[in-house]
Amino acid sequence: GPGPTACSIGCNASDADAFRDDPTTLWQIDKFRSLGFGG
């Protein structure tokens, strides 16, 4: 959605991709959304 875009720098790329989320990705979506980011 609208709002600023956060940048997340990680050490382990995990295995999420353009079509599938993993637990870390889902956690990041919830966290950044709750902080007012749009992505």
PDB file of all heavy atoms in Angstrom:
ATOM      1  N   GLY A   1       0.806  -1.213   0.000  1.00  0.00           N
ATOM      2  CA  GLY A   1       0.000   0.000   0.000  1.00  0.00           C
ATOM      3  C   GLY A   1       0.835   1.257   0.000  1.00  0.00           C
ATOM      4  O   GLY A   1       2.049   1.224  -0.185  1.00  0.00           O
ATOM      5  N   PRO A   2       0.186   2.401   0.224  1.00  0.00           N
ATOM      6  CA  PRO A   2       0.912   3.662   0.237  1.00  0.00           C
ATOM      7  C   PRO A   2       1.810   3.758   1.466  1.00  0.00           C
ATOM      8  O   PRO A   2       1.634   3.025   2.436  1.00  0.00           O
ATOM      9  CB  PRO A   2      -0.202   4.709   0.289  1.00  0.00           C
ATOM     10  CG  PRO A   2      -1.339   4.018   0.947  1.00  0.00           C
ATOM     11  CD  PRO A   2      -1.233   2.574   0.530  1.00  0.00           C
ATOM     12  N   GLY A   3       2.744   4.644   1.405  1.00  0.00           N
ATOM     13  CA  GLY A   3       3.653   4.834   2.524  1.00  0.00           C
ATOM     14  C   GLY A   3       5.082   4.590   2.098  1.00  0.00           C
ATOM     15  O   GLY A   3       5.346   4.097   1.000  1.00  0.00           O
ATOM     16  N   PRO A   4       6.011   4.908   2.972  1.00  0.00           N
ATOM     17  CA  PRO A   4       7.421   4.722   2.632  1.00  0.00           C
ATOM     18  C   PRO A   4       7.785   3.254   2.510  1.00  0.00           C
ATOM     19  O   PRO A   4       7.076   2.378   2.994  1.00  0.00           O
ATOM     20  CB  PRO A   4       8.155   5.380   3.810  1.00  0.00           C
ATOM     21  CG  PRO A   4       7.183   5.335   4.940  1.00  0.00           C
ATOM     22  CD  PRO A   4       5.814   5.440   4.321  1.00  0.00           C
ATOM     23  N   THR A   5       8.894   3.010   1.840  1.00  0.00           N
ATOM     24  CA  THR A   5       9.409   1.653   1.680  1.00  0.00           C
ATOM     25  C   THR A   5      10.584   1.456   2.627  1.00  0.00           C
ATOM     26  O   THR A   5      11.531   2.239   2.607  1.00  0.00           O
ATOM     27  CB  THR A   5       9.867   1.419   0.229  1.00  0.00           C
ATOM     28  OG1 THR A   5       8.767   1.633  -0.644  1.00  0.00           O
ATOM     29  CG2 THR A   5      10.399   0.012   0.032  1.00  0.00           C
ATOM     30  N   ALA A   6      10.518   0.425   3.445  1.00  0.00           N
ATOM     31  CA  ALA A   6      11.613   0.109   4.364  1.00  0.00           C
ATOM     32  C   ALA A   6      12.660  -0.714   3.630  1.00  0.00           C
ATOM     33  O   ALA A   6      12.366  -1.376   2.642  1.00  0.00           O
ATOM     34  CB  ALA A   6      11.083  -0.679   5.560  1.00  0.00           C
ATOM     35  N   CYS A   7      13.884  -0.669   4.120  1.00  0.00           N
ATOM     36  CA  CYS A   7      14.949  -1.527   3.616  1.00  0.00           C
ATOM     37  C   CYS A   7      15.374  -2.445   4.745  1.00  0.00           C
ATOM     38  O   CYS A   7      15.702  -1.984   5.836  1.00  0.00           O
ATOM     39  CB  CYS A   7      16.138  -0.703   3.133  1.00  0.00           C
ATOM     40  SG  CYS A   7      17.503  -1.738   2.546  1.00  0.00           S
ATOM     41  N   SER A   8      15.351  -3.739   4.490  1.00  0.00           N
ATOM     42  CA  SER A   8      15.747  -4.733   5.466  1.00  0.00           C
ATOM     43  C   SER A   8      16.998  -5.437   4.949  1.00  0.00           C
ATOM     44  O   SER A   8      17.008  -5.957   3.832  1.00  0.00           O
ATOM     45  CB  SER A   8      14.616  -5.737   5.669  1.00  0.00           C
ATOM     46  OG  SER A   8      15.024  -6.782   6.519  1.00  0.00           O
ATOM     47  N   ILE A   9      18.069  -5.434   5.755  1.00  0.00           N
ATOM     48  CA  ILE A   9      19.312  -6.093   5.370  1.00  0.00           C
ATOM     49  C   ILE A   9      19.479  -7.314   6.258  1.00  0.00           C
ATOM     50  O   ILE A   9      19.551  -7.199   7.476  1.00  0.00           O
ATOM     51  CB  ILE A   9      20.514  -5.155   5.522  1.00  0.00           C
ATOM     52  CG1 ILE A   9      20.303  -3.896   4.681  1.00  0.00           C
ATOM     53  CG2 ILE A   9      21.804  -5.873   5.120  1.00  0.00           C
ATOM     54  CD1 ILE A   9      21.325  -2.817   4.921  1.00  0.00           C
ATOM     55  N   GLY A  10      19.508  -8.492   5.640  1.00  0.00           N
ATOM     56  CA  GLY A  10      19.615  -9.728   6.391  1.00  0.00           C
ATOM     57  C   GLY A  10      20.919 -10.453   6.119  1.00  0.00           C
ATOM     58  O   GLY A  10      21.660 -10.109   5.201  1.00  0.00           O
ATOM     59  N   CYS A  11      21.209 -11.452   6.916  1.00  0.00           N
ATOM     60  CA  CYS A  11      22.400 -12.291   6.713  1.00  0.00           C
ATOM     61  C   CYS A  11      22.054 -13.581   5.994  1.00  0.00           C
ATOM     62  O   CYS A  11      22.898 -14.162   5.342  1.00  0.00           O
ATOM     63  CB  CYS A  11      23.041 -12.627   8.063  1.00  0.00           C
ATOM     64  SG  CYS A  11      23.965 -11.265   8.738  1.00  0.00           S
ATOM     65  N   ASN A  12      20.828 -14.041   6.125  1.00  0.00           N
ATOM     66  CA  ASN A  12      20.440 -15.310   5.532  1.00  0.00           C
ATOM     67  C   ASN A  12      19.249 -15.064   4.624  1.00  0.00           C
ATOM     68  O   ASN A  12      18.204 -14.612   5.063  1.00  0.00           O
ATOM     69  CB  ASN A  12      20.087 -16.312   6.638  1.00  0.00           C
ATOM     70  CG  ASN A  12      19.737 -17.661   6.080  1.00  0.00           C
ATOM     71  OD1 ASN A  12      19.898 -17.910   4.899  1.00  0.00           O
ATOM     72  ND2 ASN A  12      19.251 -18.526   6.933  1.00  0.00           N
ATOM     73  N   ALA A  13      19.427 -15.378   3.373  1.00  0.00           N
ATOM     74  CA  ALA A  13      18.364 -15.082   2.401  1.00  0.00           C
ATOM     75  C   ALA A  13      17.119 -15.931   2.569  1.00  0.00           C
ATOM     76  O   ALA A  13      16.102 -15.653   1.960  1.00  0.00           O
ATOM     77  CB  ALA A  13      18.909 -15.269   0.989  1.00  0.00           C
ATOM     78  N   SER A  14      17.138 -16.934   3.388  1.00  0.00           N
ATOM     79  CA  SER A  14      16.062 -17.907   3.553  1.00  0.00           C
ATOM     80  C   SER A  14      15.650 -18.440   2.187  1.00  0.00           C
ATOM     81  O   SER A  14      16.434 -18.443   1.260  1.00  0.00           O
ATOM     82  CB  SER A  14      14.903 -17.338   4.367  1.00  0.00           C
ATOM     83  OG  SER A  14      14.110 -16.476   3.606  1.00  0.00           O
ATOM     84  N   ASP A  15      14.401 -18.867   2.043  1.00  0.00           N
ATOM     85  CA  ASP A  15      14.026 -19.431   0.753  1.00  0.00           C
ATOM     86  C   ASP A  15      12.745 -18.833   0.189  1.00  0.00           C
ATOM     87  O   ASP A  15      12.115 -19.427  -0.668  1.00  0.00           O
ATOM     88  CB  ASP A  15      13.936 -20.955   0.821  1.00  0.00           C
ATOM     89  CG  ASP A  15      12.992 -21.445   1.903  1.00  0.00           C
ATOM     90  OD1 ASP A  15      12.349 -20.606   2.556  1.00  0.00           O
ATOM     91  OD2 ASP A  15      12.892 -22.663   2.101  1.00  0.00           O
ATOM     92  N   ALA A  16      12.386 -17.642   0.615  1.00  0.00           N
ATOM     93  CA  ALA A  16      11.248 -16.944   0.021  1.00  0.00           C
ATOM     94  C   ALA A  16      11.650 -16.461  -1.375  1.00  0.00           C
ATOM     95  O   ALA A  16      12.826 -16.274  -1.668  1.00  0.00           O
ATOM     96  CB  ALA A  16      10.830 -15.760   0.885  1.00  0.00           C
ATOM     97  N   ASP A  17      10.652 -16.276  -2.236  1.00  0.00           N
ATOM     98  CA  ASP A  17      10.945 -15.798  -3.582  1.00  0.00           C
ATOM     99  C   ASP A  17       9.828 -14.870  -4.048  1.00  0.00           C
ATOM    100  O   ASP A  17       9.091 -14.332  -3.229  1.00  0.00           O
ATOM    101  CB  ASP A  17      11.161 -16.973  -4.547  1.00  0.00           C
ATOM    102  CG  ASP A  17       9.957 -17.907  -4.645  1.00  0.00           C
ATOM    103  OD1 ASP A  17       8.816 -17.474  -4.372  1.00  0.00           O
ATOM    104  OD2 ASP A  17      10.162 -19.082  -5.010  1.00  0.00           O
ATOM    105  N   ALA A  18       9.682 -14.686  -5.338  1.00  0.00           N
ATOM    106  CA  ALA A  18       8.681 -13.761  -5.873  1.00  0.00           C
ATOM    107  C   ALA A  18       7.258 -14.277  -5.725  1.00  0.00           C
ATOM    108  O   ALA A  18       6.307 -13.509  -5.874  1.00  0.00           O
ATOM    109  CB  ALA A  18       8.974 -13.479  -7.346  1.00  0.00           C
ATOM    110  N   PHE A  19       7.089 -15.557  -5.404  1.00  0.00           N
ATOM    111  CA  PHE A  19       5.756 -16.135  -5.331  1.00  0.00           C
ATOM    112  C   PHE A  19       5.392 -16.683  -3.956  1.00  0.00           C
ATOM    113  O   PHE A  19       4.228 -16.897  -3.667  1.00  0.00           O
ATOM    114  CB  PHE A  19       5.626 -17.278  -6.360  1.00  0.00           C
ATOM    115  CG  PHE A  19       5.990 -16.848  -7.742  1.00  0.00           C
ATOM    116  CD1 PHE A  19       7.217 -17.192  -8.284  1.00  0.00           C
ATOM    117  CD2 PHE A  19       5.129 -16.070  -8.498  1.00  0.00           C
ATOM    118  CE1 PHE A  19       7.575 -16.787  -9.553  1.00  0.00           C
ATOM    119  CE2 PHE A  19       5.472 -15.645  -9.769  1.00  0.00           C
ATOM    120  CZ  PHE A  19       6.711 -16.003 -10.300  1.00  0.00           C
ATOM    121  N   ARG A  20       6.397 -16.941  -3.134  1.00  0.00           N
ATOM    122  CA  ARG A  20       6.169 -17.633  -1.870  1.00  0.00           C
ATOM    123  C   ARG A  20       6.841 -16.885  -0.726  1.00  0.00           C
ATOM    124  O   ARG A  20       7.971 -16.438  -0.826  1.00  0.00           O
ATOM    125  CB  ARG A  20       6.765 -19.038  -1.987  1.00  0.00           C
ATOM    126  CG  ARG A  20       6.483 -19.955  -0.849  1.00  0.00           C
ATOM    127  CD  ARG A  20       7.009 -21.366  -1.127  1.00  0.00           C
ATOM    128  NE  ARG A  20       8.300 -21.408  -1.794  1.00  0.00           N
ATOM    129  CZ  ARG A  20       9.474 -21.244  -1.184  1.00  0.00           C
ATOM    130  NH1 ARG A  20       9.524 -21.028   0.098  1.00  0.00           N
ATOM    131  NH2 ARG A  20      10.593 -21.306  -1.878  1.00  0.00           N
ATOM    132  N   ASP A  21       6.113 -16.768   0.378  1.00  0.00           N
ATOM    133  CA  ASP A  21       6.645 -16.169   1.596  1.00  0.00           C
ATOM    134  C   ASP A  21       7.080 -17.284   2.537  1.00  0.00           C
ATOM    135  O   ASP A  21       6.619 -18.416   2.435  1.00  0.00           O
ATOM    136  CB  ASP A  21       5.582 -15.305   2.282  1.00  0.00           C
ATOM    137  CG  ASP A  21       5.183 -14.099   1.447  1.00  0.00           C
ATOM    138  OD1 ASP A  21       6.072 -13.498   0.827  1.00  0.00           O
ATOM    139  OD2 ASP A  21       3.989 -13.765   1.418  1.00  0.00           O
ATOM    140  N   ASP A  22       7.964 -16.961   3.454  1.00  0.00           N
ATOM    141  CA  ASP A  22       8.369 -17.894   4.502  1.00  0.00           C
ATOM    142  C   ASP A  22       8.066 -17.225   5.850  1.00  0.00           C
ATOM    143  O   ASP A  22       7.562 -16.100   5.878  1.00  0.00           O
ATOM    144  CB  ASP A  22       9.840 -18.287   4.349  1.00  0.00           C
ATOM    145  CG  ASP A  22      10.797 -17.113   4.485  1.00  0.00           C
ATOM    146  OD1 ASP A  22      10.357 -15.997   4.831  1.00  0.00           O
ATOM    147  OD2 ASP A  22      11.994 -17.304   4.253  1.00  0.00           O
ATOM    148  N   PRO A  23       8.296 -17.880   6.981  1.00  0.00           N
ATOM    149  CA  PRO A  23       7.950 -17.276   8.271  1.00  0.00           C
ATOM    150  C   PRO A  23       8.609 -15.912   8.510  1.00  0.00           C
ATOM    151  O   PRO A  23       7.978 -14.996   9.042  1.00  0.00           O
ATOM    152  CB  PRO A  23       8.431 -18.310   9.289  1.00  0.00           C
ATOM    153  CG  PRO A  23       8.307 -19.615   8.572  1.00  0.00           C
ATOM    154  CD  PRO A  23       8.712 -19.298   7.151  1.00  0.00           C
ATOM    155  N   THR A  24       9.867 -15.757   8.078  1.00  0.00           N
ATOM    156  CA  THR A  24      10.541 -14.464   8.267  1.00  0.00           C
ATOM    157  C   THR A  24       9.873 -13.380   7.440  1.00  0.00           C
ATOM    158  O   THR A  24       9.647 -12.265   7.914  1.00  0.00           O
ATOM    159  CB  THR A  24      12.032 -14.583   7.900  1.00  0.00           C
ATOM    160  OG1 THR A  24      12.630 -15.580   8.716  1.00  0.00           O
ATOM    161  CG2 THR A  24      12.748 -13.251   8.093  1.00  0.00           C
ATOM    162  N   THR A  25       9.551 -13.699   6.202  1.00  0.00           N
ATOM    163  CA  THR A  25       8.891 -12.729   5.326  1.00  0.00           C
ATOM    164  C   THR A  25       7.540 -12.310   5.903  1.00  0.00           C
ATOM    165  O   THR A  25       7.214 -11.123   5.927  1.00  0.00           O
ATOM    166  CB  THR A  25       8.698 -13.329   3.922  1.00  0.00           C
ATOM    167  OG1 THR A  25       9.949 -13.786   3.441  1.00  0.00           O
ATOM    168  CG2 THR A  25       8.124 -12.322   2.963  1.00  0.00           C
ATOM    169  N   LEU A  26       6.775 -13.255   6.384  1.00  0.00           N
ATOM    170  CA  LEU A  26       5.468 -12.936   6.974  1.00  0.00           C
ATOM    171  C   LEU A  26       5.620 -12.057   8.215  1.00  0.00           C
ATOM    172  O   LEU A  26       4.851 -11.118   8.426  1.00  0.00           O
ATOM    173  CB  LEU A  26       4.711 -14.221   7.302  1.00  0.00           C
ATOM    174  CG  LEU A  26       4.335 -15.083   6.098  1.00  0.00           C
ATOM    175  CD1 LEU A  26       3.761 -16.410   6.554  1.00  0.00           C
ATOM    176  CD2 LEU A  26       3.376 -14.342   5.183  1.00  0.00           C
ATOM    177  N   TRP A  27       6.646 -12.349   9.029  1.00  0.00           N
ATOM    178  CA  TRP A  27       6.902 -11.540  10.213  1.00  0.00           C
ATOM    179  C   TRP A  27       7.271 -10.119   9.801  1.00  0.00           C
ATOM    180  O   TRP A  27       6.791  -9.149  10.380  1.00  0.00           O
ATOM    181  CB  TRP A  27       8.040 -12.161  11.043  1.00  0.00           C
ATOM    182  CG  TRP A  27       8.392 -11.339  12.231  1.00  0.00           C
ATOM    183  CD1 TRP A  27       7.793 -11.366  13.448  1.00  0.00           C
ATOM    184  CD2 TRP A  27       9.412 -10.338  12.305  1.00  0.00           C
ATOM    185  NE1 TRP A  27       8.387 -10.449  14.280  1.00  0.00           N
ATOM    186  CE2 TRP A  27       9.386  -9.805  13.606  1.00  0.00           C
ATOM    187  CE3 TRP A  27      10.348  -9.849  11.402  1.00  0.00           C
ATOM    188  CZ2 TRP A  27      10.256  -8.803  14.014  1.00  0.00           C
ATOM    189  CZ3 TRP A  27      11.212  -8.853  11.811  1.00  0.00           C
ATOM    190  CH2 TRP A  27      11.160  -8.343  13.104  1.00  0.00           C
ATOM    191  N   GLN A  28       8.131  -9.974   8.763  1.00  0.00           N
ATOM    192  CA  GLN A  28       8.538  -8.649   8.307  1.00  0.00           C
ATOM    193  C   GLN A  28       7.357  -7.863   7.751  1.00  0.00           C
ATOM    194  O   GLN A  28       7.236  -6.664   7.999  1.00  0.00           O
ATOM    195  CB  GLN A  28       9.645  -8.759   7.254  1.00  0.00           C
ATOM    196  CG  GLN A  28      10.966  -9.185   7.856  1.00  0.00           C
ATOM    197  CD  GLN A  28      12.024  -9.394   6.800  1.00  0.00           C
ATOM    198  OE1 GLN A  28      11.796 -10.107   5.818  1.00  0.00           O
ATOM    199  NE2 GLN A  28      13.170  -8.781   6.995  1.00  0.00           N
ATOM    200  N   ILE A  29       6.494  -8.514   7.003  1.00  0.00           N
ATOM    201  CA  ILE A  29       5.302  -7.833   6.470  1.00  0.00           C
ATOM    202  C   ILE A  29       4.473  -7.273   7.620  1.00  0.00           C
ATOM    203  O   ILE A  29       4.091  -6.102   7.609  1.00  0.00           O
ATOM    204  CB  ILE A  29       4.473  -8.790   5.589  1.00  0.00           C
ATOM    205  CG1 ILE A  29       5.214  -9.107   4.293  1.00  0.00           C
ATOM    206  CG2 ILE A  29       3.091  -8.199   5.294  1.00  0.00           C
ATOM    207  CD1 ILE A  29       4.625 -10.262   3.498  1.00  0.00           C
ATOM    208  N   ASP A  30       4.189  -8.093   8.624  1.00  0.00           N
ATOM    209  CA  ASP A  30       3.396  -7.635   9.770  1.00  0.00           C
ATOM    210  C   ASP A  30       4.090  -6.492  10.507  1.00  0.00           C
ATOM    211  O   ASP A  30       3.452  -5.503  10.874  1.00  0.00           O
ATOM    212  CB  ASP A  30       3.138  -8.783  10.744  1.00  0.00           C
ATOM    213  CG  ASP A  30       2.134  -9.790  10.214  1.00  0.00           C
ATOM    214  OD1 ASP A  30       1.397  -9.453   9.260  1.00  0.00           O
ATOM    215  OD2 ASP A  30       2.097 -10.914  10.744  1.00  0.00           O
ATOM    216  N   LYS A  31       5.395  -6.625  10.725  1.00  0.00           N
ATOM    217  CA  LYS A  31       6.135  -5.610  11.469  1.00  0.00           C
ATOM    218  C   LYS A  31       6.169  -4.281  10.726  1.00  0.00           C
ATOM    219  O   LYS A  31       5.857  -3.239  11.288  1.00  0.00           O
ATOM    220  CB  LYS A  31       7.564  -6.112  11.727  1.00  0.00           C
ATOM    221  CG  LYS A  31       8.366  -5.220  12.605  1.00  0.00           C
ATOM    222  CD  LYS A  31       7.814  -5.232  14.006  1.00  0.00           C
ATOM    223  CE  LYS A  31       8.774  -4.599  14.969  1.00  0.00           C
ATOM    224  NZ  LYS A  31       8.233  -4.563  16.314  1.00  0.00           N
ATOM    225  N   PHE A  32       6.551  -4.303   9.445  1.00  0.00           N
ATOM    226  CA  PHE A  32       6.637  -3.058   8.686  1.00  0.00           C
ATOM    227  C   PHE A  32       5.267  -2.428   8.473  1.00  0.00           C
ATOM    228  O   PHE A  32       5.124  -1.204   8.494  1.00  0.00           O
ATOM    229  CB  PHE A  32       7.361  -3.277   7.360  1.00  0.00           C
ATOM    230  CG  PHE A  32       8.837  -3.522   7.522  1.00  0.00           C
ATOM    231  CD1 PHE A  32       9.442  -4.600   6.907  1.00  0.00           C
ATOM    232  CD2 PHE A  32       9.623  -2.684   8.296  1.00  0.00           C
ATOM    233  CE1 PHE A  32      10.801  -4.838   7.058  1.00  0.00           C
ATOM    234  CE2 PHE A  32      10.980  -2.902   8.457  1.00  0.00           C
ATOM    235  CZ  PHE A  32      11.571  -3.975   7.831  1.00  0.00           C
ATOM    236  N   ARG A  33       4.247  -3.234   8.261  1.00  0.00           N
ATOM    237  CA  ARG A  33       2.888  -2.700   8.119  1.00  0.00           C
ATOM    238  C   ARG A  33       2.456  -1.997   9.403  1.00  0.00           C
ATOM    239  O   ARG A  33       1.906  -0.896   9.367  1.00  0.00           O
ATOM    240  CB  ARG A  33       1.907  -3.822   7.776  1.00  0.00           C
ATOM    241  CG  ARG A  33       0.486  -3.309   7.546  1.00  0.00           C
ATOM    242  CD  ARG A  33      -0.463  -4.433   7.211  1.00  0.00           C
ATOM    243  NE  ARG A  33      -0.321  -4.765   5.807  1.00  0.00           N
ATOM    244  CZ  ARG A  33      -0.447  -5.981   5.298  1.00  0.00           C
ATOM    245  NH1 ARG A  33      -0.694  -7.008   6.082  1.00  0.00           N
ATOM    246  NH2 ARG A  33      -0.327  -6.197   4.015  1.00  0.00           N
ATOM    247  N   SER A  34       2.757  -2.614  10.567  1.00  0.00           N
ATOM    248  CA  SER A  34       2.356  -2.003  11.844  1.00  0.00           C
ATOM    249  C   SER A  34       3.115  -0.706  12.118  1.00  0.00           C
ATOM    250  O   SER A  34       2.642   0.141  12.872  1.00  0.00           O
ATOM    251  CB  SER A  34       2.567  -2.992  12.995  1.00  0.00           C
ATOM    252  OG  SER A  34       3.945  -3.155  13.275  1.00  0.00           O
ATOM    253  N   LEU A  35       4.280  -0.539  11.496  1.00  0.00           N
ATOM    254  CA  LEU A  35       5.061   0.691  11.666  1.00  0.00           C
ATOM    255  C   LEU A  35       4.709   1.762  10.641  1.00  0.00           C
ATOM    256  O   LEU A  35       5.312   2.831  10.612  1.00  0.00           O
ATOM    257  CB  LEU A  35       6.557   0.369  11.584  1.00  0.00           C
ATOM    258  CG  LEU A  35       7.107  -0.476  12.737  1.00  0.00           C
ATOM    259  CD1 LEU A  35       8.538  -0.915  12.450  1.00  0.00           C
ATOM    260  CD2 LEU A  35       7.030   0.295  14.051  1.00  0.00           C
ATOM    261  N   GLY A  36       3.733   1.486   9.768  1.00  0.00           N
ATOM    262  CA  GLY A  36       3.253   2.483   8.817  1.00  0.00           C
ATOM    263  C   GLY A  36       3.913   2.454   7.451  1.00  0.00           C
ATOM    264  O   GLY A  36       3.681   3.343   6.637  1.00  0.00           O
ATOM    265  N   PHE A  37       4.715   1.438   7.184  1.00  0.00           N
ATOM    266  CA  PHE A  37       5.342   1.337   5.868  1.00  0.00           C
ATOM    267  C   PHE A  37       4.368   0.735   4.864  1.00  0.00           C
ATOM    268  O   PHE A  37       3.467  -0.011   5.230  1.00  0.00           O
ATOM    269  CB  PHE A  37       6.600   0.456   5.936  1.00  0.00           C
ATOM    270  CG  PHE A  37       7.741   1.110   6.657  1.00  0.00           C
ATOM    271  CD1 PHE A  37       7.957   0.870   8.006  1.00  0.00           C
ATOM    272  CD2 PHE A  37       8.596   1.972   5.988  1.00  0.00           C
ATOM    273  CE1 PHE A  37       9.005   1.474   8.676  1.00  0.00           C
ATOM    274  CE2 PHE A  37       9.649   2.586   6.654  1.00  0.00           C
ATOM    275  CZ  PHE A  37       9.851   2.339   7.998  1.00  0.00           C
ATOM    276  N   GLY A  38       4.579   1.053   3.586  1.00  0.00           N
ATOM    277  CA  GLY A  38       3.757   0.507   2.517  1.00  0.00           C
ATOM    278  C   GLY A  38       4.411  -0.661   1.818  1.00  0.00           C
ATOM    279  O   GLY A  38       3.857  -1.222   0.879  1.00  0.00           O
ATOM    280  N   GLY A  39       5.595  -1.024   2.265  1.00  0.00           N
ATOM    281  CA  GLY A  39       6.312  -2.146   1.676  1.00  0.00           C
ATOM    282  C   GLY A  39       7.737  -2.168   2.169  1.00  0.00           C
ATOM    283  O   GLY A  39       8.155  -1.317   2.949  1.00  0.00           O
TER     284      GLY A  39
END
